[in-house]
Amino acid sequence: GHEQLLKMMEERMMDVEQKLRLVKRLLQDKVNQLKEQLSKNTKADAMVKDLYVENAQLLKALERTEQRQKTAERKNYLLEEKIANLNRIVKNLASPSFNS
């Protein structure tokens, strides 16, 4: 009875050890999976920060471009007014010469 009990206990210990090895392997797999996920998240975080900086730079460039466009439109408007005024002057100068 004592030897049989000892053999049963030994088998149970081997079974427990086998289950522990399995659990250890599963935990190691999970650790590796989480490390990989952390690495991916770190890379994604860096990419998001880079995109944020790039977006800010693009917004500044867009603002400068819009400002240049407004300036060009103002200059264009002033030039059109000057052309209209010059056309009026030429028309007025030309009118008396046709009359005389």
N, C-alpha and C. Protein backbone atom coordinates (compact mmCIF):
# COMPACT_ATOMS: atom_id res chain seq x y z
N GLY A 1 0.82 -1.19 0.00
CA GLY A 1 0.00 0.00 0.00
C GLY A 1 0.86 1.25 0.00
N HIS A 2 1.91 1.19 0.82
CA HIS A 2 2.78 2.37 0.92
C HIS A 2 3.51 2.63 -0.38
N GLU A 3 3.99 1.56 -1.03
CA GLU A 3 4.73 1.70 -2.29
C GLU A 3 3.79 2.16 -3.41
N GLN A 4 2.56 1.65 -3.40
CA GLN A 4 1.57 2.04 -4.42
C GLN A 4 1.20 3.52 -4.24
N LEU A 5 1.05 3.95 -2.99
CA LEU A 5 0.76 5.34 -2.69
C LEU A 5 1.90 6.23 -3.16
N LEU A 6 3.12 5.80 -2.92
CA LEU A 6 4.29 6.53 -3.36
C LEU A 6 4.33 6.64 -4.88
N LYS A 7 4.01 5.55 -5.60
CA LYS A 7 3.98 5.55 -7.07
C LYS A 7 2.90 6.50 -7.58
N MET A 8 1.72 6.49 -6.94
CA MET A 8 0.63 7.40 -7.34
C MET A 8 1.05 8.86 -7.14
N MET A 9 1.70 9.12 -6.02
CA MET A 9 2.16 10.48 -5.74
C MET A 9 3.21 10.91 -6.78
N GLU A 10 4.09 9.98 -7.16
CA GLU A 10 5.11 10.27 -8.16
C GLU A 10 4.46 10.58 -9.51
N GLU A 11 3.46 9.81 -9.89
CA GLU A 11 2.75 10.04 -11.15
C GLU A 11 2.03 11.39 -11.12
N ARG A 12 1.43 11.70 -10.00
CA ARG A 12 0.74 13.00 -9.87
C ARG A 12 1.74 14.14 -9.98
N MET A 13 2.90 13.99 -9.37
CA MET A 13 3.95 15.01 -9.45
C MET A 13 4.40 15.19 -10.90
N MET A 14 4.59 14.07 -11.61
CA MET A 14 5.01 14.16 -13.02
C MET A 14 3.92 14.86 -13.84
N ASP A 15 2.66 14.53 -13.54
CA ASP A 15 1.54 15.15 -14.25
C ASP A 15 1.50 16.66 -13.97
N VAL A 16 1.69 17.01 -12.69
CA VAL A 16 1.71 18.43 -12.31
C VAL A 16 2.88 19.14 -12.99
N GLU A 17 4.05 18.52 -13.01
CA GLU A 17 5.22 19.12 -13.66
C GLU A 17 4.97 19.33 -15.15
N GLN A 18 4.34 18.34 -15.79
CA GLN A 18 4.03 18.45 -17.21
C GLN A 18 3.07 19.62 -17.44
N LYS A 19 2.04 19.72 -16.59
CA LYS A 19 1.08 20.82 -16.72
C LYS A 19 1.77 22.16 -16.48
N LEU A 20 2.68 22.20 -15.50
CA LEU A 20 3.42 23.43 -15.23
C LEU A 20 4.28 23.85 -16.42
N ARG A 21 4.94 22.86 -17.06
CA ARG A 21 5.74 23.17 -18.26
C ARG A 21 4.86 23.73 -19.37
N LEU A 22 3.66 23.13 -19.52
CA LEU A 22 2.72 23.60 -20.54
C LEU A 22 2.29 25.05 -20.24
N VAL A 23 1.95 25.29 -18.96
CA VAL A 23 1.54 26.65 -18.57
C VAL A 23 2.69 27.63 -18.78
N LYS A 24 3.90 27.21 -18.41
CA LYS A 24 5.08 28.07 -18.60
C LYS A 24 5.27 28.40 -20.08
N ARG A 25 5.11 27.40 -20.96
CA ARG A 25 5.25 27.62 -22.40
C ARG A 25 4.16 28.57 -22.90
N LEU A 26 2.93 28.37 -22.43
CA LEU A 26 1.84 29.26 -22.83
C LEU A 26 2.09 30.69 -22.36
N LEU A 27 2.57 30.82 -21.12
CA LEU A 27 2.87 32.15 -20.61
C LEU A 27 4.00 32.81 -21.40
N GLN A 28 5.01 32.04 -21.76
CA GLN A 28 6.12 32.58 -22.55
C GLN A 28 5.64 33.03 -23.92
N ASP A 29 4.75 32.23 -24.52
CA ASP A 29 4.17 32.63 -25.81
C ASP A 29 3.41 33.96 -25.67
N LYS A 30 2.65 34.08 -24.57
CA LYS A 30 1.88 35.30 -24.34
C LYS A 30 2.82 36.48 -24.11
N VAL A 31 3.90 36.26 -23.36
CA VAL A 31 4.90 37.32 -23.13
C VAL A 31 5.49 37.76 -24.47
N ASN A 32 5.86 36.80 -25.32
CA ASN A 32 6.42 37.14 -26.63
C ASN A 32 5.41 37.91 -27.47
N GLN A 33 4.16 37.49 -27.42
CA GLN A 33 3.10 38.17 -28.17
C GLN A 33 2.94 39.61 -27.67
N LEU A 34 2.96 39.79 -26.36
CA LEU A 34 2.80 41.13 -25.79
C LEU A 34 4.02 42.01 -26.10
N LYS A 35 5.22 41.43 -26.10
CA LYS A 35 6.42 42.20 -26.47
C LYS A 35 6.32 42.67 -27.92
N GLU A 36 5.86 41.77 -28.78
CA GLU A 36 5.70 42.13 -30.19
C GLU A 36 4.67 43.24 -30.35
N GLN A 37 3.56 43.12 -29.62
CA GLN A 37 2.51 44.14 -29.68
C GLN A 37 3.04 45.48 -29.16
N LEU A 38 3.83 45.44 -28.08
CA LEU A 38 4.41 46.66 -27.54
C LEU A 38 5.33 47.32 -28.57
N SER A 39 6.11 46.50 -29.26
CA SER A 39 7.01 47.03 -30.29
C SER A 39 6.20 47.69 -31.41
N LYS A 40 5.14 47.01 -31.84
CA LYS A 40 4.28 47.59 -32.89
C LYS A 40 3.64 48.89 -32.41
N ASN A 41 3.17 48.89 -31.17
CA ASN A 41 2.54 50.10 -30.63
C ASN A 41 3.53 51.25 -30.54
N THR A 42 4.76 50.95 -30.15
CA THR A 42 5.80 51.98 -30.05
C THR A 42 6.08 52.57 -31.43
N LYS A 43 6.19 51.68 -32.44
CA LYS A 43 6.41 52.17 -33.82
C LYS A 43 5.24 53.02 -34.29
N ALA A 44 4.01 52.54 -34.00
CA ALA A 44 2.81 53.28 -34.42
C ALA A 44 2.76 54.64 -33.72
N ASP A 45 3.13 54.67 -32.44
CA ASP A 45 3.14 55.92 -31.68
C ASP A 45 4.13 56.91 -32.30
N ALA A 46 5.30 56.41 -32.66
CA ALA A 46 6.30 57.27 -33.29
C ALA A 46 5.79 57.80 -34.63
N MET A 47 5.11 56.93 -35.38
CA MET A 47 4.57 57.36 -36.68
C MET A 47 3.49 58.43 -36.49
N VAL A 48 2.65 58.25 -35.48
CA VAL A 48 1.59 59.23 -35.20
C VAL A 48 2.22 60.58 -34.85
N LYS A 49 3.28 60.55 -34.01
CA LYS A 49 3.95 61.80 -33.65
C LYS A 49 4.56 62.45 -34.89
N ASP A 50 5.20 61.66 -35.75
CA ASP A 50 5.79 62.20 -36.99
C ASP A 50 4.70 62.82 -37.87
N LEU A 51 3.56 62.12 -37.98
CA LEU A 51 2.47 62.64 -38.80
C LEU A 51 1.90 63.92 -38.20
N TYR A 52 1.84 63.99 -36.88
CA TYR A 52 1.35 65.19 -36.21
C TYR A 52 2.25 66.38 -36.53
N VAL A 53 3.57 66.16 -36.45
CA VAL A 53 4.53 67.23 -36.77
C VAL A 53 4.42 67.62 -38.24
N GLU A 54 4.35 66.61 -39.11
CA GLU A 54 4.24 66.89 -40.54
C GLU A 54 2.96 67.65 -40.85
N ASN A 55 1.87 67.27 -40.18
CA ASN A 55 0.59 67.95 -40.38
C ASN A 55 0.68 69.41 -39.96
N ALA A 56 1.35 69.66 -38.84
CA ALA A 56 1.52 71.04 -38.38
C ALA A 56 2.32 71.86 -39.39
N GLN A 57 3.38 71.24 -39.94
CA GLN A 57 4.20 71.93 -40.95
C GLN A 57 3.38 72.21 -42.21
N LEU A 58 2.57 71.24 -42.61
CA LEU A 58 1.74 71.43 -43.80
C LEU A 58 0.70 72.52 -43.58
N LEU A 59 0.13 72.58 -42.37
CA LEU A 59 -0.83 73.64 -42.07
C LEU A 59 -0.18 75.02 -42.15
N LYS A 60 1.04 75.13 -41.62
CA LYS A 60 1.76 76.41 -41.70
C LYS A 60 2.04 76.78 -43.15
N ALA A 61 2.46 75.79 -43.94
CA ALA A 61 2.73 76.04 -45.37
C ALA A 61 1.45 76.47 -46.08
N LEU A 62 0.33 75.82 -45.73
CA LEU A 62 -0.95 76.18 -46.33
C LEU A 62 -1.34 77.61 -45.97
N GLU A 63 -1.14 77.98 -44.70
CA GLU A 63 -1.45 79.35 -44.27
C GLU A 63 -0.61 80.37 -45.04
N ARG A 64 0.70 80.06 -45.20
CA ARG A 64 1.56 80.98 -45.96
C ARG A 64 1.10 81.09 -47.42
N THR A 65 0.73 79.95 -47.99
CA THR A 65 0.27 79.94 -49.39
C THR A 65 -1.02 80.74 -49.54
N GLU A 66 -1.94 80.55 -48.58
CA GLU A 66 -3.20 81.30 -48.63
C GLU A 66 -2.94 82.79 -48.48
N GLN A 67 -1.98 83.15 -47.61
CA GLN A 67 -1.65 84.57 -47.43
C GLN A 67 -1.06 85.14 -48.71
N ARG A 68 -0.17 84.37 -49.36
CA ARG A 68 0.40 84.83 -50.63
C ARG A 68 -0.69 84.99 -51.69
N GLN A 69 -1.65 84.05 -51.69
CA GLN A 69 -2.74 84.14 -52.67
C GLN A 69 -3.57 85.40 -52.44
N LYS A 70 -3.87 85.69 -51.16
CA LYS A 70 -4.63 86.91 -50.85
C LYS A 70 -3.87 88.15 -51.30
N THR A 71 -2.55 88.17 -51.04
CA THR A 71 -1.72 89.31 -51.45
C THR A 71 -1.73 89.44 -52.98
N ALA A 72 -1.60 88.31 -53.66
CA ALA A 72 -1.61 88.33 -55.13
C ALA A 72 -2.96 88.82 -55.65
N GLU A 73 -4.04 88.38 -55.00
CA GLU A 73 -5.37 88.83 -55.42
C GLU A 73 -5.54 90.33 -55.22
N ARG A 74 -5.02 90.85 -54.07
CA ARG A 74 -5.09 92.30 -53.82
C ARG A 74 -4.29 93.06 -54.89
N LYS A 75 -3.07 92.60 -55.17
CA LYS A 75 -2.24 93.25 -56.19
C LYS A 75 -2.91 93.20 -57.56
N ASN A 76 -3.51 92.04 -57.86
CA ASN A 76 -4.21 91.87 -59.12
C ASN A 76 -5.37 92.86 -59.23
N TYR A 77 -6.13 93.01 -58.14
CA TYR A 77 -7.26 93.95 -58.12
C TYR A 77 -6.77 95.38 -58.35
N LEU A 78 -5.67 95.73 -57.65
CA LEU A 78 -5.12 97.08 -57.82
C LEU A 78 -4.63 97.31 -59.25
N LEU A 79 -4.00 96.28 -59.84
CA LEU A 79 -3.53 96.41 -61.23
C LEU A 79 -4.71 96.56 -62.18
N GLU A 80 -5.79 95.80 -61.93
CA GLU A 80 -6.98 95.93 -62.78
C GLU A 80 -7.58 97.33 -62.68
N GLU A 81 -7.57 97.90 -61.45
CA GLU A 81 -8.07 99.27 -61.28
C GLU A 81 -7.19 100.27 -62.04
N LYS A 82 -5.86 100.06 -61.96
CA LYS A 82 -4.94 100.96 -62.67
C LYS A 82 -5.15 100.85 -64.17
N ILE A 83 -5.35 99.63 -64.67
CA ILE A 83 -5.58 99.43 -66.10
C ILE A 83 -6.87 100.14 -66.52
N ALA A 84 -7.91 99.98 -65.70
CA ALA A 84 -9.18 100.64 -66.01
C ALA A 84 -9.00 102.16 -66.04
N ASN A 85 -8.25 102.69 -65.04
CA ASN A 85 -7.99 104.13 -65.01
C ASN A 85 -7.17 104.58 -66.22
N LEU A 86 -6.16 103.80 -66.59
CA LEU A 86 -5.34 104.14 -67.76
C LEU A 86 -6.19 104.09 -69.04
N ASN A 87 -7.07 103.12 -69.12
CA ASN A 87 -7.96 103.03 -70.29
C ASN A 87 -8.85 104.26 -70.37
N ARG A 88 -9.35 104.72 -69.20
CA ARG A 88 -10.18 105.92 -69.18
C ARG A 88 -9.37 107.14 -69.64
N ILE A 89 -8.14 107.24 -69.13
CA ILE A 89 -7.27 108.37 -69.50
C ILE A 89 -7.00 108.35 -71.00
N VAL A 90 -6.66 107.16 -71.52
CA VAL A 90 -6.38 107.05 -72.96
C VAL A 90 -7.62 107.41 -73.76
N LYS A 91 -8.78 106.94 -73.31
CA LYS A 91 -10.04 107.23 -73.99
C LYS A 91 -10.31 108.73 -73.98
N ASN A 92 -10.07 109.37 -72.80
CA ASN A 92 -10.29 110.83 -72.69
C ASN A 92 -9.29 111.60 -73.55
N LEU A 93 -8.04 111.11 -73.61
CA LEU A 93 -7.05 111.78 -74.43
C LEU A 93 -7.37 111.62 -75.91
N ALA A 94 -7.89 110.45 -76.26
CA ALA A 94 -8.18 110.17 -77.64
C ALA A 94 -9.44 110.88 -78.11
N SER A 95 -10.39 111.06 -77.23
CA SER A 95 -11.68 111.69 -77.61
C SER A 95 -11.52 113.10 -78.17
N PRO A 96 -10.78 114.03 -77.52
CA PRO A 96 -10.65 115.37 -78.08
C PRO A 96 -9.91 115.36 -79.42
N SER A 97 -8.98 114.45 -79.61
CA SER A 97 -8.24 114.46 -80.86
C SER A 97 -9.15 114.03 -82.00
N PHE A 98 -10.15 113.20 -81.72
CA PHE A 98 -11.10 112.83 -82.78
C PHE A 98 -12.07 113.96 -83.03
N ASN A 99 -12.34 114.76 -81.98
CA ASN A 99 -13.31 115.85 -82.12
C ASN A 99 -12.72 117.01 -82.91
N SER A 100 -11.40 117.22 -82.80
CA SER A 100 -10.83 118.40 -83.45
C SER A 100 -10.41 118.17 -84.86
